[in-house]
């Protein structure tokens, strides 16, 4: 799990989710959720995948804030989740 802020300084959390299925390859994917939202608005980036939680967590730990914000903007644009109010 990794906390970051979006372009409006609103807090978000990037975390790893697992897709159920028989194949472990690419079973883990990126999810971004508004911090303190209790699981409310979240967006899944199912095109960002890993084979293990270890690899996923290591990748999240090394991603820059700029990269996380870029991926969040992309995910919000594709998902239809409303952007936070100004």
N, C-alpha and C. Protein backbone atom coordinates (compact mmCIF):
# COMPACT_ATOMS: atom_id res chain seq x y z
N UNK A 1 0.84 -1.17 0.00
CA UNK A 1 0.00 0.00 0.00
C UNK A 1 0.89 1.24 0.00
N UNK A 2 0.44 2.26 -0.71
CA UNK A 2 1.23 3.48 -0.83
C UNK A 2 0.29 4.67 -0.83
N UNK A 3 0.55 5.65 0.03
CA UNK A 3 -0.26 6.85 0.06
C UNK A 3 0.40 7.93 -0.80
N UNK A 4 -0.45 8.73 -1.45
CA UNK A 4 0.04 9.84 -2.26
C UNK A 4 -1.08 10.87 -2.38
N UNK A 5 -0.78 12.01 -2.95
CA UNK A 5 -1.80 13.04 -3.16
C UNK A 5 -1.97 13.28 -4.65
N UNK A 6 -3.21 13.62 -5.03
CA UNK A 6 -3.47 13.90 -6.43
C UNK A 6 -3.11 15.35 -6.77
N UNK A 7 -3.49 15.79 -7.95
CA UNK A 7 -3.14 17.14 -8.40
C UNK A 7 -3.77 18.23 -7.55
N UNK A 8 -4.82 17.89 -6.81
CA UNK A 8 -5.51 18.87 -5.95
C UNK A 8 -5.14 18.70 -4.48
N UNK A 9 -4.11 17.91 -4.22
CA UNK A 9 -3.63 17.61 -2.86
C UNK A 9 -4.61 16.78 -2.04
N UNK A 10 -5.52 16.07 -2.70
CA UNK A 10 -6.41 15.15 -2.00
C UNK A 10 -5.68 13.82 -1.82
N UNK A 11 -5.80 13.21 -0.65
CA UNK A 11 -5.06 11.97 -0.39
C UNK A 11 -5.70 10.74 -1.05
N UNK A 12 -4.85 9.91 -1.61
CA UNK A 12 -5.24 8.65 -2.23
C UNK A 12 -4.34 7.54 -1.71
N UNK A 13 -4.78 6.31 -1.89
CA UNK A 13 -4.00 5.14 -1.53
C UNK A 13 -3.92 4.23 -2.75
N UNK A 14 -2.72 3.83 -3.10
CA UNK A 14 -2.51 2.84 -4.16
C UNK A 14 -2.28 1.51 -3.46
N UNK A 15 -3.00 0.49 -3.89
CA UNK A 15 -2.86 -0.82 -3.25
C UNK A 15 -2.98 -1.92 -4.28
N UNK A 16 -2.74 -3.12 -3.84
CA UNK A 16 -2.75 -4.28 -4.72
C UNK A 16 -3.96 -5.14 -4.40
N UNK A 17 -4.67 -5.56 -5.45
CA UNK A 17 -5.80 -6.46 -5.31
C UNK A 17 -5.49 -7.74 -6.08
N UNK A 18 -6.20 -8.79 -5.72
CA UNK A 18 -5.99 -10.08 -6.39
C UNK A 18 -7.25 -10.50 -7.13
N UNK A 19 -7.04 -10.93 -8.34
CA UNK A 19 -8.13 -11.46 -9.15
C UNK A 19 -8.20 -12.97 -8.92
N UNK A 20 -9.36 -13.46 -8.55
CA UNK A 20 -9.51 -14.90 -8.32
C UNK A 20 -9.46 -15.63 -9.65
N UNK A 21 -8.85 -16.77 -9.60
CA UNK A 21 -8.75 -17.59 -10.80
C UNK A 21 -7.66 -18.63 -10.62
N UNK A 22 -7.59 -19.54 -11.53
CA UNK A 22 -6.65 -20.63 -11.42
C UNK A 22 -5.22 -20.29 -11.79
N UNK A 23 -5.04 -19.21 -12.54
CA UNK A 23 -3.71 -18.87 -13.02
C UNK A 23 -3.12 -17.76 -12.16
N UNK A 24 -1.91 -17.97 -11.67
CA UNK A 24 -1.26 -16.96 -10.83
C UNK A 24 -0.65 -15.84 -11.65
N UNK A 25 -0.39 -16.05 -12.94
CA UNK A 25 0.27 -15.03 -13.75
C UNK A 25 -0.65 -13.83 -13.92
N UNK A 26 -0.17 -12.70 -13.48
CA UNK A 26 -0.94 -11.48 -13.60
C UNK A 26 -2.17 -11.43 -12.72
N UNK A 27 -2.17 -12.20 -11.64
CA UNK A 27 -3.34 -12.25 -10.76
C UNK A 27 -3.48 -11.00 -9.90
N UNK A 28 -2.41 -10.25 -9.72
CA UNK A 28 -2.42 -9.07 -8.86
C UNK A 28 -2.44 -7.81 -9.72
N UNK A 29 -3.27 -6.84 -9.34
CA UNK A 29 -3.39 -5.63 -10.13
C UNK A 29 -3.51 -4.40 -9.23
N UNK A 30 -3.34 -3.23 -9.82
CA UNK A 30 -3.31 -1.97 -9.10
C UNK A 30 -4.71 -1.40 -8.89
N UNK A 31 -4.97 -0.94 -7.67
CA UNK A 31 -6.22 -0.26 -7.34
C UNK A 31 -5.87 1.04 -6.63
N UNK A 32 -6.59 2.10 -6.95
CA UNK A 32 -6.40 3.38 -6.28
C UNK A 32 -7.72 3.77 -5.62
N UNK A 33 -7.63 4.18 -4.36
CA UNK A 33 -8.82 4.50 -3.57
C UNK A 33 -8.59 5.81 -2.85
N UNK A 34 -9.63 6.62 -2.77
CA UNK A 34 -9.52 7.86 -1.98
C UNK A 34 -9.24 7.49 -0.54
N UNK A 35 -8.25 8.12 0.06
CA UNK A 35 -7.88 7.82 1.44
C UNK A 35 -9.00 8.25 2.37
N UNK A 36 -9.25 7.46 3.40
CA UNK A 36 -10.27 7.78 4.38
C UNK A 36 -11.67 7.61 3.84
N UNK A 37 -11.81 6.96 2.71
CA UNK A 37 -13.11 6.83 2.06
C UNK A 37 -13.84 5.56 2.49
N UNK A 38 -13.18 4.73 3.29
CA UNK A 38 -13.83 3.51 3.74
C UNK A 38 -14.19 2.56 2.61
N UNK A 39 -13.41 2.58 1.55
CA UNK A 39 -13.67 1.67 0.43
C UNK A 39 -14.67 2.21 -0.57
N UNK A 40 -15.00 3.50 -0.48
CA UNK A 40 -15.96 4.11 -1.40
C UNK A 40 -15.40 4.17 -2.80
N UNK A 41 -15.14 5.39 -3.28
CA UNK A 41 -14.64 5.55 -4.64
C UNK A 41 -13.27 4.92 -4.80
N UNK A 42 -13.20 3.99 -5.72
CA UNK A 42 -11.91 3.39 -6.06
C UNK A 42 -11.92 3.08 -7.54
N UNK A 43 -10.74 3.01 -8.11
CA UNK A 43 -10.60 2.65 -9.52
C UNK A 43 -9.56 1.56 -9.63
N UNK A 44 -9.88 0.57 -10.43
CA UNK A 44 -8.97 -0.55 -10.68
C UNK A 44 -8.25 -0.31 -11.99
N UNK A 45 -6.96 -0.48 -11.96
CA UNK A 45 -6.15 -0.39 -13.17
C UNK A 45 -5.74 -1.82 -13.53
N UNK A 46 -6.64 -2.54 -14.15
CA UNK A 46 -6.40 -3.96 -14.42
C UNK A 46 -5.36 -4.20 -15.49
N UNK A 47 -4.91 -3.13 -16.16
CA UNK A 47 -3.84 -3.30 -17.13
C UNK A 47 -2.47 -3.22 -16.47
N UNK A 48 -2.41 -2.87 -15.19
CA UNK A 48 -1.15 -2.86 -14.42
C UNK A 48 -1.18 -4.12 -13.56
N UNK A 49 -0.41 -5.14 -13.93
CA UNK A 49 -0.49 -6.45 -13.29
C UNK A 49 0.88 -6.97 -12.86
N UNK A 50 0.82 -7.82 -11.82
CA UNK A 50 2.02 -8.47 -11.32
C UNK A 50 1.72 -9.94 -11.02
N UNK A 51 2.79 -10.73 -10.91
CA UNK A 51 2.65 -12.15 -10.61
C UNK A 51 2.67 -12.45 -9.12
N UNK A 52 3.10 -11.49 -8.30
CA UNK A 52 3.16 -11.73 -6.85
C UNK A 52 2.96 -10.43 -6.09
N UNK A 53 2.53 -10.55 -4.85
CA UNK A 53 2.37 -9.35 -4.03
C UNK A 53 3.73 -8.73 -3.73
N UNK A 54 4.75 -9.56 -3.62
CA UNK A 54 6.10 -9.04 -3.35
C UNK A 54 6.54 -8.09 -4.46
N UNK A 55 6.37 -8.52 -5.69
CA UNK A 55 6.75 -7.68 -6.83
C UNK A 55 5.87 -6.43 -6.90
N UNK A 56 4.60 -6.58 -6.65
CA UNK A 56 3.67 -5.45 -6.69
C UNK A 56 4.05 -4.41 -5.64
N UNK A 57 4.28 -4.85 -4.41
CA UNK A 57 4.62 -3.91 -3.34
C UNK A 57 5.96 -3.21 -3.60
N UNK A 58 6.91 -3.95 -4.16
CA UNK A 58 8.20 -3.35 -4.48
C UNK A 58 8.02 -2.28 -5.57
N UNK A 59 7.19 -2.57 -6.56
CA UNK A 59 6.94 -1.60 -7.62
C UNK A 59 6.26 -0.35 -7.07
N UNK A 60 5.24 -0.54 -6.25
CA UNK A 60 4.55 0.61 -5.66
C UNK A 60 5.49 1.47 -4.82
N UNK A 61 6.38 0.82 -4.10
CA UNK A 61 7.31 1.55 -3.23
C UNK A 61 8.28 2.42 -4.05
N UNK A 62 8.54 2.03 -5.28
CA UNK A 62 9.52 2.77 -6.09
C UNK A 62 8.87 3.73 -7.08
N UNK A 63 7.55 3.70 -7.21
CA UNK A 63 6.87 4.62 -8.13
C UNK A 63 6.94 6.05 -7.58
N UNK A 64 7.17 6.98 -8.44
CA UNK A 64 7.19 8.39 -8.01
C UNK A 64 5.76 8.90 -7.85
N UNK A 65 5.64 9.99 -7.13
CA UNK A 65 4.34 10.64 -6.99
C UNK A 65 3.80 11.07 -8.33
N UNK A 66 4.67 11.52 -9.21
CA UNK A 66 4.26 11.94 -10.56
C UNK A 66 3.65 10.76 -11.31
N UNK A 67 4.28 9.61 -11.23
CA UNK A 67 3.78 8.41 -11.92
C UNK A 67 2.43 7.98 -11.34
N UNK A 68 2.29 8.00 -10.02
CA UNK A 68 1.02 7.62 -9.40
C UNK A 68 -0.10 8.58 -9.80
N UNK A 69 0.18 9.88 -9.82
CA UNK A 69 -0.82 10.86 -10.24
C UNK A 69 -1.20 10.68 -11.71
N UNK A 70 -0.24 10.38 -12.54
CA UNK A 70 -0.51 10.16 -13.96
C UNK A 70 -1.42 8.96 -14.16
N UNK A 71 -1.11 7.89 -13.46
CA UNK A 71 -1.94 6.68 -13.56
C UNK A 71 -3.34 6.92 -13.00
N UNK A 72 -3.43 7.69 -11.93
CA UNK A 72 -4.73 8.01 -11.35
C UNK A 72 -5.57 8.82 -12.33
N UNK A 73 -5.00 9.85 -12.95
CA UNK A 73 -5.73 10.65 -13.94
C UNK A 73 -6.25 9.77 -15.07
N UNK A 74 -5.42 8.88 -15.54
CA UNK A 74 -5.80 7.98 -16.61
C UNK A 74 -6.95 7.07 -16.17
N UNK A 75 -6.83 6.51 -14.98
CA UNK A 75 -7.85 5.59 -14.48
C UNK A 75 -9.18 6.31 -14.26
N UNK A 76 -9.13 7.52 -13.70
CA UNK A 76 -10.36 8.28 -13.48
C UNK A 76 -11.03 8.64 -14.79
N UNK A 77 -10.23 8.98 -15.78
CA UNK A 77 -10.79 9.32 -17.08
C UNK A 77 -11.48 8.14 -17.74
N UNK A 78 -10.96 6.94 -17.54
CA UNK A 78 -11.54 5.74 -18.15
C UNK A 78 -12.72 5.19 -17.36
N UNK A 79 -12.74 5.43 -16.05
CA UNK A 79 -13.73 4.76 -15.20
C UNK A 79 -15.04 5.51 -15.03
N UNK A 80 -15.00 6.82 -15.18
CA UNK A 80 -16.21 7.59 -14.94
C UNK A 80 -16.40 7.96 -13.47
N UNK A 81 -15.44 7.60 -12.60
CA UNK A 81 -15.50 8.03 -11.19
C UNK A 81 -15.29 9.53 -11.17
N UNK A 82 -16.16 10.28 -10.50
CA UNK A 82 -16.01 11.73 -10.51
C UNK A 82 -14.73 12.18 -9.81
N UNK A 83 -14.10 13.19 -10.39
CA UNK A 83 -12.91 13.78 -9.77
C UNK A 83 -13.35 14.55 -8.53
N UNK A 84 -12.48 14.69 -7.54
CA UNK A 84 -12.83 15.44 -6.34
C UNK A 84 -13.17 16.88 -6.68
N UNK A 85 -14.10 17.45 -5.92
CA UNK A 85 -14.48 18.85 -6.13
C UNK A 85 -13.34 19.77 -5.74
N UNK A 86 -13.25 20.92 -6.38
CA UNK A 86 -12.19 21.88 -6.08
C UNK A 86 -12.41 22.56 -4.78
